[in-house]
Amino acid sequence: MGEGQHRVEVTDRQNISVSGVVQVMGYDEEEIILETTRGILVLKGKNFNISSLSLENGTLEASGFLNSLDYREEGAAKKSFLRRILK
């Protein structure tokens, strides 16, 4: 994973800003999976919408209702995403 700062900011559980984003590994209305400079970040909730993404700057802005955020090992996040799309 790349070097650099990583920051997550959540306002009212509805507006999410993330810096240090390397790539988006998966995205739907209930889950956003990101590779960040500090690990795999999984955001879970409802009605997610990515309003801004710049991999060049490493930033992501999203809205929706955030229920949880979790850092995972890279292999576990890929398995979870593949398991969901293959259902």
C-alpha atoms as a PDB file:
ATOM      1  CA  MET A   1       0.000   0.000   0.000  1.00  0.00           C
ATOM      2  CA  GLY A   2       1.071   3.529  -0.658  1.00  0.00           C
ATOM      3  CA  GLU A   3       2.401   5.951   1.859  1.00  0.00           C
ATOM      4  CA  GLY A   4       0.557   9.043   2.951  1.00  0.00           C
ATOM      5  CA  GLN A   5      -1.985  10.392   5.338  1.00  0.00           C
ATOM      6  CA  HIS A   6      -5.421   8.878   5.659  1.00  0.00           C
ATOM      7  CA  ARG A   7      -8.425  10.633   7.128  1.00  0.00           C
ATOM      8  CA  VAL A   8     -12.130   9.789   7.495  1.00  0.00           C
ATOM      9  CA  GLU A   9     -14.635  12.511   8.351  1.00  0.00           C
ATOM     10  CA  VAL A  10     -18.325  11.772   8.955  1.00  0.00           C
ATOM     11  CA  THR A  11     -20.914  14.490   9.461  1.00  0.00           C
ATOM     12  CA  ASP A  12     -24.318  13.539  10.924  1.00  0.00           C
ATOM     13  CA  ARG A  13     -23.777   9.924   9.736  1.00  0.00           C
ATOM     14  CA  GLN A  14     -24.785  11.142   6.260  1.00  0.00           C
ATOM     15  CA  ASN A  15     -21.804  12.892   4.651  1.00  0.00           C
ATOM     16  CA  ILE A  16     -18.528  10.992   4.384  1.00  0.00           C
ATOM     17  CA  SER A  17     -15.142  12.360   3.297  1.00  0.00           C
ATOM     18  CA  VAL A  18     -12.149  10.066   2.958  1.00  0.00           C
ATOM     19  CA  SER A  19      -8.582  10.999   2.071  1.00  0.00           C
ATOM     20  CA  GLY A  20      -5.742   8.608   1.355  1.00  0.00           C
ATOM     21  CA  VAL A  21      -7.875   6.591  -1.090  1.00  0.00           C
ATOM     22  CA  VAL A  22      -5.829   4.371  -3.402  1.00  0.00           C
ATOM     23  CA  GLN A  23      -8.724   2.651  -5.199  1.00  0.00           C
ATOM     24  CA  VAL A  24     -12.403   1.780  -4.932  1.00  0.00           C
ATOM     25  CA  MET A  25     -12.619  -1.997  -4.657  1.00  0.00           C
ATOM     26  CA  GLY A  26     -16.411  -2.202  -4.575  1.00  0.00           C
ATOM     27  CA  TYR A  27     -19.439   0.004  -4.387  1.00  0.00           C
ATOM     28  CA  ASP A  28     -23.215  -0.334  -4.167  1.00  0.00           C
ATOM     29  CA  GLU A  29     -26.014   1.378  -2.237  1.00  0.00           C
ATOM     30  CA  GLU A  30     -25.202  -0.549   0.964  1.00  0.00           C
ATOM     31  CA  GLU A  31     -21.425  -0.861   0.981  1.00  0.00           C
ATOM     32  CA  ILE A  32     -18.310   0.977  -0.192  1.00  0.00           C
ATOM     33  CA  ILE A  33     -14.989  -0.883  -0.077  1.00  0.00           C
ATOM     34  CA  LEU A  34     -11.869   1.262  -0.362  1.00  0.00           C
ATOM     35  CA  GLU A  35      -8.178   0.532  -0.415  1.00  0.00           C
ATOM     36  CA  THR A  36      -6.556   3.352   1.530  1.00  0.00           C
ATOM     37  CA  THR A  37      -2.981   4.180   2.411  1.00  0.00           C
ATOM     38  CA  ARG A  38      -3.668   2.656   5.845  1.00  0.00           C
ATOM     39  CA  GLY A  39      -5.613  -0.483   4.898  1.00  0.00           C
ATOM     40  CA  ILE A  40      -8.909  -1.704   3.483  1.00  0.00           C
ATOM     41  CA  LEU A  41     -11.831   0.414   4.692  1.00  0.00           C
ATOM     42  CA  VAL A  42     -15.388  -0.946   4.493  1.00  0.00           C
ATOM     43  CA  LEU A  43     -18.294   1.482   4.902  1.00  0.00           C
ATOM     44  CA  LYS A  44     -21.726  -0.067   5.469  1.00  0.00           C
ATOM     45  CA  GLY A  45     -25.061   1.693   5.429  1.00  0.00           C
ATOM     46  CA  LYS A  46     -27.975   2.651   3.178  1.00  0.00           C
ATOM     47  CA  ASN A  47     -28.478   4.730   0.040  1.00  0.00           C
ATOM     48  CA  PHE A  48     -24.779   5.393  -0.579  1.00  0.00           C
ATOM     49  CA  ASN A  49     -23.945   7.715  -3.442  1.00  0.00           C
ATOM     50  CA  ILE A  50     -20.378   8.669  -4.375  1.00  0.00           C
ATOM     51  CA  SER A  51     -20.556  12.332  -5.326  1.00  0.00           C
ATOM     52  CA  SER A  52     -16.841  12.920  -5.889  1.00  0.00           C
ATOM     53  CA  LEU A  53     -13.856  10.642  -6.465  1.00  0.00           C
ATOM     54  CA  SER A  54     -10.320  11.663  -7.339  1.00  0.00           C
ATOM     55  CA  LEU A  55      -7.766   8.882  -7.245  1.00  0.00           C
ATOM     56  CA  GLU A  56      -5.178  11.409  -8.382  1.00  0.00           C
ATOM     57  CA  ASN A  57      -5.752  13.365  -5.140  1.00  0.00           C
ATOM     58  CA  GLY A  58      -6.769  10.282  -3.126  1.00  0.00           C
ATOM     59  CA  THR A  59     -10.143  11.707  -2.074  1.00  0.00           C
ATOM     60  CA  LEU A  60     -13.700  10.431  -1.988  1.00  0.00           C
ATOM     61  CA  GLU A  61     -16.920  12.202  -0.995  1.00  0.00           C
ATOM     62  CA  ALA A  62     -20.092  10.175  -0.440  1.00  0.00           C
ATOM     63  CA  SER A  63     -23.543  10.596   1.027  1.00  0.00           C
ATOM     64  CA  GLY A  64     -26.029   8.122   2.487  1.00  0.00           C
ATOM     65  CA  PHE A  65     -26.702   6.770   5.952  1.00  0.00           C
ATOM     66  CA  LEU A  66     -23.590   5.273   7.584  1.00  0.00           C
ATOM     67  CA  ASN A  67     -24.151   2.331   9.922  1.00  0.00           C
ATOM     68  CA  SER A  68     -20.545   1.226  10.374  1.00  0.00           C
ATOM     69  CA  LEU A  69     -16.996   1.505   9.178  1.00  0.00           C
ATOM     70  CA  ASP A  70     -14.422  -1.213   9.526  1.00  0.00           C
ATOM     71  CA  TYR A  71     -10.805  -1.828   8.588  1.00  0.00           C
ATOM     72  CA  ARG A  72     -10.030  -5.299   7.216  1.00  0.00           C
ATOM     73  CA  GLU A  73      -7.261  -7.388   5.792  1.00  0.00           C
ATOM     74  CA  GLU A  74      -7.097  -7.100   1.996  1.00  0.00           C
ATOM     75  CA  GLY A  75      -8.023 -10.745   1.268  1.00  0.00           C
ATOM     76  CA  ALA A  76     -11.122 -10.671   3.522  1.00  0.00           C
ATOM     77  CA  ALA A  77     -12.610  -7.633   1.771  1.00  0.00           C
ATOM     78  CA  LYS A  78     -12.169  -9.173  -1.683  1.00  0.00           C
ATOM     79  CA  LYS A  79     -13.829 -12.429  -0.603  1.00  0.00           C
ATOM     80  CA  SER A  80     -16.787 -10.563   0.931  1.00  0.00           C
ATOM     81  CA  PHE A  81     -17.330  -8.481  -2.211  1.00  0.00           C
ATOM     82  CA  LEU A  82     -17.053 -11.488  -4.543  1.00  0.00           C
ATOM     83  CA  ARG A  83     -19.399 -13.538  -2.363  1.00  0.00           C
ATOM     84  CA  ARG A  84     -22.042 -10.778  -2.571  1.00  0.00           C
ATOM     85  CA  ILE A  85     -21.892 -10.279  -6.336  1.00  0.00           C
ATOM     86  CA  LEU A  86     -21.947 -14.008  -7.072  1.00  0.00           C
ATOM     87  CA  LYS A  87     -25.179 -14.623  -5.124  1.00  0.00           C
END
